[in-house]
Amino acid sequence: MEVLSVVLAAALAIAIPALATAWAQSRIGPAIAASMAEKPELSTTAVLMIAIPETMVILGFVVAVLILFRTA
C-alpha cells in the first residue's frame, strides 16, 4: 500500500504542474500572437513568456524523482 501512495504522489507531482502549464500556455499563446502581429521585435520576450511556465513541469519532475528515490 505504501508503494502505491508513493507512486501516486510522484504522478501527481508531475500531472498537476503539467495541467497548470498547459492552461497558462493556452492563455499566453494567443496574447503573444496578437502582440507579435503589432510588434515583431517582441520575439525574444515571446520565447521567454512561453518558456517560463515550463519550469513548473521541470520542478514537478524533480520533486517526483525526489519522492521516488527518497531514503527510508
C-alpha atoms as a PDB file:
ATOM      1  CA  MET A   1       0.000   0.000   0.000  1.00  0.00           C
ATOM      2  CA  GLU A   2       2.852   2.385   0.765  1.00  0.00           C
ATOM      3  CA  VAL A   3       4.366   1.846  -2.684  1.00  0.00           C
ATOM      4  CA  LEU A   4       1.081   2.799  -4.329  1.00  0.00           C
ATOM      5  CA  SER A   5       0.851   6.047  -2.375  1.00  0.00           C
ATOM      6  CA  VAL A   6       4.446   6.954  -3.251  1.00  0.00           C
ATOM      7  CA  VAL A   7       3.824   6.324  -6.943  1.00  0.00           C
ATOM      8  CA  LEU A   8       0.576   8.304  -6.797  1.00  0.00           C
ATOM      9  CA  ALA A   9       2.348  11.213  -5.107  1.00  0.00           C
ATOM     10  CA  ALA A  10       5.057  11.201  -7.770  1.00  0.00           C
ATOM     11  CA  ALA A  11       2.463  11.080 -10.546  1.00  0.00           C
ATOM     12  CA  LEU A  12       0.561  13.998  -9.049  1.00  0.00           C
ATOM     13  CA  ALA A  13       3.810  15.950  -8.658  1.00  0.00           C
ATOM     14  CA  ILE A  14       4.129  15.872 -12.443  1.00  0.00           C
ATOM     15  CA  ALA A  15       0.469  15.898 -13.515  1.00  0.00           C
ATOM     16  CA  ILE A  16      -0.717  18.957 -11.605  1.00  0.00           C
ATOM     17  CA  PRO A  17       2.084  21.288 -12.793  1.00  0.00           C
ATOM     18  CA  ALA A  18       1.689  19.914 -16.318  1.00  0.00           C
ATOM     19  CA  LEU A  19      -2.003  20.819 -16.342  1.00  0.00           C
ATOM     20  CA  ALA A  20      -1.240  24.258 -14.913  1.00  0.00           C
ATOM     21  CA  THR A  21       1.426  24.820 -17.561  1.00  0.00           C
ATOM     22  CA  ALA A  22      -0.935  23.780 -20.332  1.00  0.00           C
ATOM     23  CA  TRP A  23      -3.567  26.197 -19.053  1.00  0.00           C
ATOM     24  CA  ALA A  24      -1.056  29.047 -18.760  1.00  0.00           C
ATOM     25  CA  GLN A  25       0.337  28.462 -22.240  1.00  0.00           C
ATOM     26  CA  SER A  26      -3.157  28.325 -23.701  1.00  0.00           C
ATOM     27  CA  ARG A  27      -3.645  31.865 -22.384  1.00  0.00           C
ATOM     28  CA  ILE A  28      -0.164  33.136 -23.282  1.00  0.00           C
ATOM     29  CA  GLY A  29      -0.114  31.834 -26.866  1.00  0.00           C
ATOM     30  CA  PRO A  30      -2.917  33.956 -28.339  1.00  0.00           C
ATOM     31  CA  ALA A  31      -1.678  37.036 -26.479  1.00  0.00           C
ATOM     32  CA  ILE A  32       1.807  36.587 -27.897  1.00  0.00           C
ATOM     33  CA  ALA A  33       0.453  36.040 -31.393  1.00  0.00           C
ATOM     34  CA  ALA A  34      -1.513  39.280 -31.189  1.00  0.00           C
ATOM     35  CA  SER A  35       1.403  41.273 -29.821  1.00  0.00           C
ATOM     36  CA  MET A  36       3.827  39.879 -32.407  1.00  0.00           C
ATOM     37  CA  ALA A  37       1.427  40.916 -35.172  1.00  0.00           C
ATOM     38  CA  GLU A  38       1.785  44.508 -33.998  1.00  0.00           C
ATOM     39  CA  LYS A  39       5.421  44.488 -32.842  1.00  0.00           C
ATOM     40  CA  PRO A  40       7.610  41.734 -34.371  1.00  0.00           C
ATOM     41  CA  GLU A  41      10.599  42.889 -32.298  1.00  0.00           C
ATOM     42  CA  LEU A  42       8.995  41.251 -29.247  1.00  0.00           C
ATOM     43  CA  SER A  43      10.088  37.777 -30.363  1.00  0.00           C
ATOM     44  CA  THR A  44      12.629  37.389 -27.546  1.00  0.00           C
ATOM     45  CA  THR A  45      10.014  38.307 -24.965  1.00  0.00           C
ATOM     46  CA  ALA A  46       7.586  35.892 -26.606  1.00  0.00           C
ATOM     47  CA  VAL A  47      10.006  32.991 -26.293  1.00  0.00           C
ATOM     48  CA  LEU A  48      10.633  33.819 -22.641  1.00  0.00           C
ATOM     49  CA  MET A  49       6.925  34.059 -21.851  1.00  0.00           C
ATOM     50  CA  ILE A  50       6.331  30.611 -23.336  1.00  0.00           C
ATOM     51  CA  ALA A  51       9.373  29.111 -21.556  1.00  0.00           C
ATOM     52  CA  ILE A  52       8.648  30.398 -18.045  1.00  0.00           C
ATOM     53  CA  PRO A  53       5.640  28.128 -17.335  1.00  0.00           C
ATOM     54  CA  GLU A  54       7.663  25.118 -18.495  1.00  0.00           C
ATOM     55  CA  THR A  55       9.815  25.454 -15.392  1.00  0.00           C
ATOM     56  CA  MET A  56       6.817  24.303 -13.338  1.00  0.00           C
ATOM     57  CA  VAL A  57       6.863  20.943 -15.093  1.00  0.00           C
ATOM     58  CA  ILE A  58      10.624  20.622 -14.686  1.00  0.00           C
ATOM     59  CA  LEU A  59      10.337  21.356 -10.974  1.00  0.00           C
ATOM     60  CA  GLY A  60       7.465  18.879 -10.711  1.00  0.00           C
ATOM     61  CA  PHE A  61       9.674  16.258 -12.331  1.00  0.00           C
ATOM     62  CA  VAL A  62      12.461  16.979  -9.839  1.00  0.00           C
ATOM     63  CA  VAL A  63      10.018  16.622  -6.962  1.00  0.00           C
ATOM     64  CA  ALA A  64       8.722  13.339  -8.409  1.00  0.00           C
ATOM     65  CA  VAL A  65      12.255  11.970  -8.660  1.00  0.00           C
ATOM     66  CA  LEU A  66      12.945  13.018  -5.079  1.00  0.00           C
ATOM     67  CA  ILE A  67       9.746  11.302  -3.952  1.00  0.00           C
ATOM     68  CA  LEU A  68      10.558   8.088  -5.806  1.00  0.00           C
ATOM     69  CA  PHE A  69      14.180   7.879  -4.693  1.00  0.00           C
ATOM     70  CA  ARG A  70      13.789   9.078  -1.149  1.00  0.00           C
ATOM     71  CA  THR A  71      15.737   7.285   1.521  1.00  0.00           C
ATOM     72  CA  ALA A  72      13.838   5.379   4.182  1.00  0.00           C
END
